[in-house]
Amino acid sequence: MTSNKPFTLAAGVLAAWALLACSSVEPAADPGAWKPNPMGTVSVFQRVSQGSYGNASMQVSWTHGTQTHAGSVFEAAVSPQAGTNLYDPVTHRIVHVLTPAGQPVMSYDPPIGLRFPLAVGQSWTEEHRVTMHTRGTTIPVRVSYTVEAMETVTVPAGTFQTFRLRIIDSLGEQTMHWTAPAQGQAIVKRVLDRSASHPQGAGHQEGTLLEVRKPG
């Protein structure tokens, strides 16, 4: 897990977006709007990594809650395998990434993530300053998003009405990302690829939603 943290945006940010989940199809007036689920919801993913992402196949779980960090209260997604991700409670975009031990890894200014509601045909580009705390450096990163289509996707956790996005950052990482916001599941499936020009070299990673557990 540690090999991909210093320069991972899609893996470190969009994986972190797996904080709320729902495994059944529910109708919604706006399928692109975010519909949160209860605190304590757990999403479990199968992650297969190659190259600069590491060479491993493992399950990664995320539990949604809240957490105080540096005097502010954030939404939190906590994983014993991948660490903790802290989100702005208004925009639901990621602000900080912490190690499993709670040490800061990355911070984003402004916070980074998807824009809801989504609609097919949308595209946008954003500029961020990313601080790598373990290196003591801050770099500019540009991230471009395109909402390509709506697709019905079936994974082990259930069937979801998803938006398929293509996400490309200026470091050389591209992500195909399937999200079901109206069902409370930010990530249903994703495929990440790093080019050879990426600071960490070429790599490939796939993630699939295996299970969703809601409290009560």
C-alpha atoms as a PDB file:
ATOM      1  CA  MET A   1       0.000   0.000   0.000  1.00  0.00           C
ATOM      2  CA  THR A   2       2.749   2.472   0.752  1.00  0.00           C
ATOM      3  CA  SER A   3       4.355   2.268  -2.688  1.00  0.00           C
ATOM      4  CA  ASN A   4       1.612   4.275  -4.377  1.00  0.00           C
ATOM      5  CA  LYS A   5       0.880   6.965  -1.817  1.00  0.00           C
ATOM      6  CA  PRO A   6       3.254   9.855  -2.571  1.00  0.00           C
ATOM      7  CA  PHE A   7       1.949  10.550  -6.088  1.00  0.00           C
ATOM      8  CA  THR A   8      -1.398   8.752  -6.241  1.00  0.00           C
ATOM      9  CA  LEU A   9      -4.369  10.980  -6.962  1.00  0.00           C
ATOM     10  CA  ALA A  10      -6.962   8.647  -8.396  1.00  0.00           C
ATOM     11  CA  ALA A  11      -5.954   5.726  -6.186  1.00  0.00           C
ATOM     12  CA  GLY A  12      -5.516   7.799  -3.083  1.00  0.00           C
ATOM     13  CA  VAL A  13      -8.447  10.113  -3.651  1.00  0.00           C
ATOM     14  CA  LEU A  14     -11.046   8.205  -5.582  1.00  0.00           C
ATOM     15  CA  ALA A  15     -10.437   5.012  -3.677  1.00  0.00           C
ATOM     16  CA  ALA A  16     -10.997   7.099  -0.647  1.00  0.00           C
ATOM     17  CA  TRP A  17     -14.358   8.105  -2.117  1.00  0.00           C
ATOM     18  CA  ALA A  18     -15.627   4.629  -1.292  1.00  0.00           C
ATOM     19  CA  LEU A  19     -16.990   5.846   2.010  1.00  0.00           C
ATOM     20  CA  LEU A  20     -20.731   5.261   1.620  1.00  0.00           C
ATOM     21  CA  ALA A  21     -22.524   2.396  -0.068  1.00  0.00           C
ATOM     22  CA  CYS A  22     -25.833   0.789  -0.993  1.00  0.00           C
ATOM     23  CA  SER A  23     -26.206  -2.591  -2.684  1.00  0.00           C
ATOM     24  CA  SER A  24     -29.778  -2.359  -4.000  1.00  0.00           C
ATOM     25  CA  VAL A  25     -31.095  -0.280  -6.903  1.00  0.00           C
ATOM     26  CA  GLU A  26     -33.229   2.615  -5.662  1.00  0.00           C
ATOM     27  CA  PRO A  27     -35.068   5.074  -7.923  1.00  0.00           C
ATOM     28  CA  ALA A  28     -34.035   8.703  -7.663  1.00  0.00           C
ATOM     29  CA  ALA A  29     -35.399  11.927  -9.138  1.00  0.00           C
ATOM     30  CA  ASP A  30     -31.843  12.895 -10.109  1.00  0.00           C
ATOM     31  CA  PRO A  31     -29.557   9.891 -10.636  1.00  0.00           C
ATOM     32  CA  GLY A  32     -26.534  12.186 -10.603  1.00  0.00           C
ATOM     33  CA  ALA A  33     -27.216  13.653  -7.144  1.00  0.00           C
ATOM     34  CA  TRP A  34     -25.350  12.359  -4.093  1.00  0.00           C
ATOM     35  CA  LYS A  35     -27.497  10.386  -1.635  1.00  0.00           C
ATOM     36  CA  PRO A  36     -25.556   9.697   1.566  1.00  0.00           C
ATOM     37  CA  ASN A  37     -26.004   6.558   3.658  1.00  0.00           C
ATOM     38  CA  PRO A  38     -25.744   6.138   7.453  1.00  0.00           C
ATOM     39  CA  MET A  39     -22.612   6.582   9.493  1.00  0.00           C
ATOM     40  CA  GLY A  40     -21.006   3.219  10.073  1.00  0.00           C
ATOM     41  CA  THR A  41     -21.609   1.968   6.515  1.00  0.00           C
ATOM     42  CA  VAL A  42     -18.779  -0.332   5.377  1.00  0.00           C
ATOM     43  CA  SER A  43     -17.686  -0.893   1.754  1.00  0.00           C
ATOM     44  CA  VAL A  44     -15.372  -3.808   0.920  1.00  0.00           C
ATOM     45  CA  PHE A  45     -13.374  -3.896  -2.317  1.00  0.00           C
ATOM     46  CA  GLN A  46     -11.184  -6.389  -4.114  1.00  0.00           C
ATOM     47  CA  ARG A  47      -8.042  -4.568  -5.275  1.00  0.00           C
ATOM     48  CA  VAL A  48      -5.608  -6.088  -7.780  1.00  0.00           C
ATOM     49  CA  SER A  49      -2.388  -4.145  -8.366  1.00  0.00           C
ATOM     50  CA  GLN A  50       0.562  -4.433 -10.737  1.00  0.00           C
ATOM     51  CA  GLY A  51       3.711  -2.473 -11.526  1.00  0.00           C
ATOM     52  CA  SER A  52       4.178   0.795  -9.639  1.00  0.00           C
ATOM     53  CA  TYR A  53       0.998   0.161  -7.620  1.00  0.00           C
ATOM     54  CA  GLY A  54       2.641  -2.947  -6.166  1.00  0.00           C
ATOM     55  CA  ASN A  55       1.978  -6.548  -7.091  1.00  0.00           C
ATOM     56  CA  ALA A  56      -0.815  -7.817  -4.881  1.00  0.00           C
ATOM     57  CA  SER A  57      -4.435  -8.897  -4.700  1.00  0.00           C
ATOM     58  CA  MET A  58      -6.178  -7.925  -1.476  1.00  0.00           C
ATOM     59  CA  GLN A  59      -9.447  -6.862   0.127  1.00  0.00           C
ATOM     60  CA  VAL A  60      -9.711  -3.261   1.318  1.00  0.00           C
ATOM     61  CA  SER A  61     -12.550  -2.101   3.584  1.00  0.00           C
ATOM     62  CA  TRP A  62     -13.703   1.470   4.332  1.00  0.00           C
ATOM     63  CA  THR A  63     -15.903   2.531   7.268  1.00  0.00           C
ATOM     64  CA  HIS A  64     -17.684   5.876   7.137  1.00  0.00           C
ATOM     65  CA  GLY A  65     -17.857   8.195  10.148  1.00  0.00           C
ATOM     66  CA  THR A  66     -16.478  11.511  11.392  1.00  0.00           C
ATOM     67  CA  GLN A  67     -13.082  12.463  12.776  1.00  0.00           C
ATOM     68  CA  THR A  68     -11.400  15.553  14.222  1.00  0.00           C
ATOM     69  CA  HIS A  69      -8.054  16.522  12.708  1.00  0.00           C
ATOM     70  CA  ALA A  70      -6.035  19.690  13.389  1.00  0.00           C
ATOM     71  CA  GLY A  71      -9.004  21.183  15.231  1.00  0.00           C
ATOM     72  CA  SER A  72     -11.587  20.637  12.462  1.00  0.00           C
ATOM     73  CA  VAL A  73     -14.290  17.984  12.107  1.00  0.00           C
ATOM     74  CA  PHE A  74     -14.308  16.027   8.852  1.00  0.00           C
ATOM     75  CA  GLU A  75     -16.249  13.221   7.265  1.00  0.00           C
ATOM     76  CA  ALA A  76     -13.941  10.213   7.457  1.00  0.00           C
ATOM     77  CA  ALA A  77     -13.407   6.946   5.621  1.00  0.00           C
ATOM     78  CA  VAL A  78     -11.235   4.627   7.692  1.00  0.00           C
ATOM     79  CA  SER A  79      -9.467   1.551   6.332  1.00  0.00           C
ATOM     80  CA  PRO A  80      -7.153  -0.693   8.382  1.00  0.00           C
ATOM     81  CA  GLN A  81      -5.393  -1.548   5.105  1.00  0.00           C
ATOM     82  CA  ALA A  82      -5.199   1.858   3.397  1.00  0.00           C
ATOM     83  CA  GLY A  83      -5.438   4.475   6.156  1.00  0.00           C
ATOM     84  CA  THR A  84      -7.872   7.332   6.769  1.00  0.00           C
ATOM     85  CA  ASN A  85      -9.290   9.850   4.308  1.00  0.00           C
ATOM     86  CA  LEU A  86     -10.831  13.086   5.549  1.00  0.00           C
ATOM     87  CA  TYR A  87     -13.486  15.001   3.575  1.00  0.00           C
ATOM     88  CA  ASP A  88     -14.956  18.472   3.617  1.00  0.00           C
ATOM     89  CA  PRO A  89     -18.397  17.958   5.232  1.00  0.00           C
ATOM     90  CA  VAL A  90     -20.058  20.396   2.787  1.00  0.00           C
ATOM     91  CA  THR A  91     -18.568  19.430  -0.585  1.00  0.00           C
ATOM     92  CA  HIS A  92     -17.664  15.809   0.363  1.00  0.00           C
ATOM     93  CA  ARG A  93     -14.278  16.304  -1.330  1.00  0.00           C
ATOM     94  CA  ILE A  94     -11.095  14.935   0.155  1.00  0.00           C
ATOM     95  CA  VAL A  95      -8.857  17.259   2.167  1.00  0.00           C
ATOM     96  CA  HIS A  96      -6.331  14.973   3.906  1.00  0.00           C
ATOM     97  CA  VAL A  97      -5.020  11.409   3.609  1.00  0.00           C
ATOM     98  CA  LEU A  98      -3.570   9.751   6.732  1.00  0.00           C
ATOM     99  CA  THR A  99      -1.667   6.516   7.285  1.00  0.00           C
ATOM    100  CA  PRO A 100      -3.318   3.656   9.223  1.00  0.00           C
ATOM    101  CA  ALA A 101      -1.421   5.019  12.239  1.00  0.00           C
ATOM    102  CA  GLY A 102      -2.954   8.468  11.748  1.00  0.00           C
ATOM    103  CA  GLN A 103       0.087  10.268  10.335  1.00  0.00           C
ATOM    104  CA  PRO A 104      -0.496  12.784   7.495  1.00  0.00           C
ATOM    105  CA  VAL A 105       0.426  11.622   3.999  1.00  0.00           C
ATOM    106  CA  MET A 106      -1.201  14.091   1.584  1.00  0.00           C
ATOM    107  CA  SER A 107      -3.330  17.253   1.711  1.00  0.00           C
ATOM    108  CA  TYR A 108      -5.219  18.933  -1.145  1.00  0.00           C
ATOM    109  CA  ASP A 109      -5.831  22.644  -1.688  1.00  0.00           C
ATOM    110  CA  PRO A 110      -8.549  23.077  -2.762  1.00  0.00           C
ATOM    111  CA  PRO A 111     -10.126  19.745  -1.740  1.00  0.00           C
ATOM    112  CA  ILE A 112     -10.293  17.201  -4.565  1.00  0.00           C
ATOM    113  CA  GLY A 113     -13.087  14.947  -5.805  1.00  0.00           C
ATOM    114  CA  LEU A 114     -16.150  14.639  -8.013  1.00  0.00           C
ATOM    115  CA  ARG A 115     -18.757  17.320  -8.608  1.00  0.00           C
ATOM    116  CA  PHE A 116     -22.347  16.355  -7.883  1.00  0.00           C
ATOM    117  CA  PRO A 117     -24.875  16.224  -9.435  1.00  0.00           C
ATOM    118  CA  LEU A 118     -23.324  14.446 -12.402  1.00  0.00           C
ATOM    119  CA  ALA A 119     -24.700  14.423 -15.939  1.00  0.00           C
ATOM    120  CA  VAL A 120     -23.550  12.671 -19.094  1.00  0.00           C
ATOM    121  CA  GLY A 121     -21.466  15.000 -21.234  1.00  0.00           C
ATOM    122  CA  GLN A 122     -20.059  17.066 -18.376  1.00  0.00           C
ATOM    123  CA  SER A 123     -16.352  17.806 -18.377  1.00  0.00           C
ATOM    124  CA  TRP A 124     -14.211  20.007 -16.175  1.00  0.00           C
ATOM    125  CA  THR A 125     -10.594  20.592 -15.190  1.00  0.00           C
ATOM    126  CA  GLU A 126      -9.287  21.694 -11.803  1.00  0.00           C
ATOM    127  CA  GLU A 127      -5.939  22.820 -10.433  1.00  0.00           C
ATOM    128  CA  HIS A 128      -4.762  21.659  -7.004  1.00  0.00           C
ATOM    129  CA  ARG A 129      -1.741  22.068  -4.793  1.00  0.00           C
ATOM    130  CA  VAL A 130      -0.864  18.690  -3.317  1.00  0.00           C
ATOM    131  CA  THR A 131       1.300  18.566  -0.206  1.00  0.00           C
ATOM    132  CA  MET A 132       3.248  15.326   0.317  1.00  0.00           C
ATOM    133  CA  HIS A 133       3.912  15.437   4.058  1.00  0.00           C
ATOM    134  CA  THR A 134       6.328  12.503   4.044  1.00  0.00           C
ATOM    135  CA  ARG A 135       8.527  14.369   1.544  1.00  0.00           C
ATOM    136  CA  GLY A 136       7.912  17.876   2.805  1.00  0.00           C
ATOM    137  CA  THR A 137       7.047  19.111  -0.691  1.00  0.00           C
ATOM    138  CA  THR A 138       4.052  20.692  -2.435  1.00  0.00           C
ATOM    139  CA  ILE A 139       3.390  20.318  -6.167  1.00  0.00           C
ATOM    140  CA  PRO A 140       0.749  21.643  -8.599  1.00  0.00           C
ATOM    141  CA  VAL A 141      -1.492  19.007 -10.185  1.00  0.00           C
ATOM    142  CA  ARG A 142      -4.147  19.394 -12.875  1.00  0.00           C
ATOM    143  CA  VAL A 143      -7.044  16.899 -12.960  1.00  0.00           C
ATOM    144  CA  SER A 144      -9.516  16.606 -15.869  1.00  0.00           C
ATOM    145  CA  TYR A 145     -12.869  14.829 -15.595  1.00  0.00           C
ATOM    146  CA  THR A 146     -15.273  13.662 -18.332  1.00  0.00           C
ATOM    147  CA  VAL A 147     -18.643  11.996 -17.662  1.00  0.00           C
ATOM    148  CA  GLU A 148     -18.808   9.642 -20.628  1.00  0.00           C
ATOM    149  CA  ALA A 149     -21.982   7.585 -20.165  1.00  0.00           C
ATOM    150  CA  MET A 150     -24.545   5.984 -17.864  1.00  0.00           C
ATOM    151  CA  GLU A 151     -24.157   2.225 -17.472  1.00  0.00           C
ATOM    152  CA  THR A 152     -25.817  -0.509 -15.438  1.00  0.00           C
ATOM    153  CA  VAL A 153     -23.003  -2.377 -13.696  1.00  0.00           C
ATOM    154  CA  THR A 154     -23.283  -5.645 -11.755  1.00  0.00           C
ATOM    155  CA  VAL A 155     -20.544  -6.489  -9.235  1.00  0.00           C
ATOM    156  CA  PRO A 156     -20.515  -8.929  -6.281  1.00  0.00           C
ATOM    157  CA  ALA A 157     -22.115  -6.248  -4.064  1.00  0.00           C
ATOM    158  CA  GLY A 158     -25.143  -5.834  -6.371  1.00  0.00           C
ATOM    159  CA  THR A 159     -26.402  -3.978  -9.434  1.00  0.00           C
ATOM    160  CA  PHE A 160     -25.874  -0.229  -9.729  1.00  0.00           C
ATOM    161  CA  GLN A 161     -26.945   2.533 -12.091  1.00  0.00           C
ATOM    162  CA  THR A 162     -23.579   4.182 -12.678  1.00  0.00           C
ATOM    163  CA  PHE A 163     -21.950   7.099 -14.403  1.00  0.00           C
ATOM    164  CA  ARG A 164     -18.739   6.194 -16.188  1.00  0.00           C
ATOM    165  CA  LEU A 165     -16.037   8.855 -15.883  1.00  0.00           C
ATOM    166  CA  ARG A 166     -12.607   9.207 -17.428  1.00  0.00           C
ATOM    167  CA  ILE A 167     -10.203  11.043 -15.100  1.00  0.00           C
ATOM    168  CA  ILE A 168      -6.719  12.139 -16.184  1.00  0.00           C
ATOM    169  CA  ASP A 169      -4.138  13.982 -14.088  1.00  0.00           C
ATOM    170  CA  SER A 170      -1.037  15.881 -15.113  1.00  0.00           C
ATOM    171  CA  LEU A 171       1.290  13.334 -13.480  1.00  0.00           C
ATOM    172  CA  GLY A 172       0.381  10.679 -16.044  1.00  0.00           C
ATOM    173  CA  GLU A 173      -2.367   8.676 -14.300  1.00  0.00           C
ATOM    174  CA  GLN A 174      -5.671   7.810 -16.000  1.00  0.00           C
ATOM    175  CA  THR A 175      -8.722   6.344 -14.255  1.00  0.00           C
ATOM    176  CA  MET A 176     -11.907   4.787 -15.593  1.00  0.00           C
ATOM    177  CA  HIS A 177     -14.363   5.270 -12.757  1.00  0.00           C
ATOM    178  CA  TRP A 178     -17.912   3.935 -12.298  1.00  0.00           C
ATOM    179  CA  THR A 179     -19.919   5.782  -9.630  1.00  0.00           C
ATOM    180  CA  ALA A 180     -23.538   5.433  -8.423  1.00  0.00           C
ATOM    181  CA  PRO A 181     -24.240   8.647  -6.468  1.00  0.00           C
ATOM    182  CA  ALA A 182     -28.005   8.172  -6.131  1.00  0.00           C
ATOM    183  CA  GLN A 183     -27.323   4.799  -4.490  1.00  0.00           C
ATOM    184  CA  GLY A 184     -24.721   6.268  -2.151  1.00  0.00           C
ATOM    185  CA  GLN A 185     -21.801   4.412  -3.735  1.00  0.00           C
ATOM    186  CA  ALA A 186     -19.026   6.673  -4.968  1.00  0.00           C
ATOM    187  CA  ILE A 187     -17.017   3.770  -6.389  1.00  0.00           C
ATOM    188  CA  VAL A 188     -18.566   0.629  -7.886  1.00  0.00           C
ATOM    189  CA  LYS A 189     -15.632  -0.227 -10.108  1.00  0.00           C
ATOM    190  CA  ARG A 190     -12.450   1.493 -11.251  1.00  0.00           C
ATOM    191  CA  VAL A 191      -9.437   0.837 -13.460  1.00  0.00           C
ATOM    192  CA  LEU A 192      -6.253   2.896 -13.028  1.00  0.00           C
ATOM    193  CA  ASP A 193      -3.273   3.125 -15.351  1.00  0.00           C
ATOM    194  CA  ARG A 194       0.003   4.999 -14.948  1.00  0.00           C
ATOM    195  CA  SER A 195       2.165   5.802 -17.938  1.00  0.00           C
ATOM    196  CA  ALA A 196       5.900   5.167 -17.971  1.00  0.00           C
ATOM    197  CA  SER A 197       6.391   8.937 -17.524  1.00  0.00           C
ATOM    198  CA  HIS A 198       4.601   8.913 -14.160  1.00  0.00           C
ATOM    199  CA  PRO A 199       6.958   9.778 -11.242  1.00  0.00           C
ATOM    200  CA  GLN A 200       6.517   6.214  -9.951  1.00  0.00           C
ATOM    201  CA  GLY A 201       6.591   4.495 -13.337  1.00  0.00           C
ATOM    202  CA  ALA A 202       4.049   2.393 -15.204  1.00  0.00           C
ATOM    203  CA  GLY A 203       1.367   0.512 -13.292  1.00  0.00           C
ATOM    204  CA  HIS A 204      -2.133  -0.940 -13.456  1.00  0.00           C
ATOM    205  CA  GLN A 205      -4.765  -1.382 -10.746  1.00  0.00           C
ATOM    206  CA  GLU A 206      -8.372  -2.602 -10.697  1.00  0.00           C
ATOM    207  CA  GLY A 207     -10.920  -2.334  -7.893  1.00  0.00           C
ATOM    208  CA  THR A 208     -14.357  -3.968  -7.603  1.00  0.00           C
ATOM    209  CA  LEU A 209     -17.008  -3.541  -4.908  1.00  0.00           C
ATOM    210  CA  LEU A 210     -17.502  -6.880  -3.143  1.00  0.00           C
ATOM    211  CA  GLU A 211     -19.807  -6.131  -0.232  1.00  0.00           C
ATOM    212  CA  VAL A 212     -21.719  -3.370   1.516  1.00  0.00           C
ATOM    213  CA  ARG A 213     -22.669  -3.488   5.197  1.00  0.00           C
ATOM    214  CA  LYS A 214     -24.992  -0.921   6.737  1.00  0.00           C
ATOM    215  CA  PRO A 215     -25.386  -0.400  10.495  1.00  0.00           C
ATOM    216  CA  GLY A 216     -28.396  -1.989  12.152  1.00  0.00           C
END
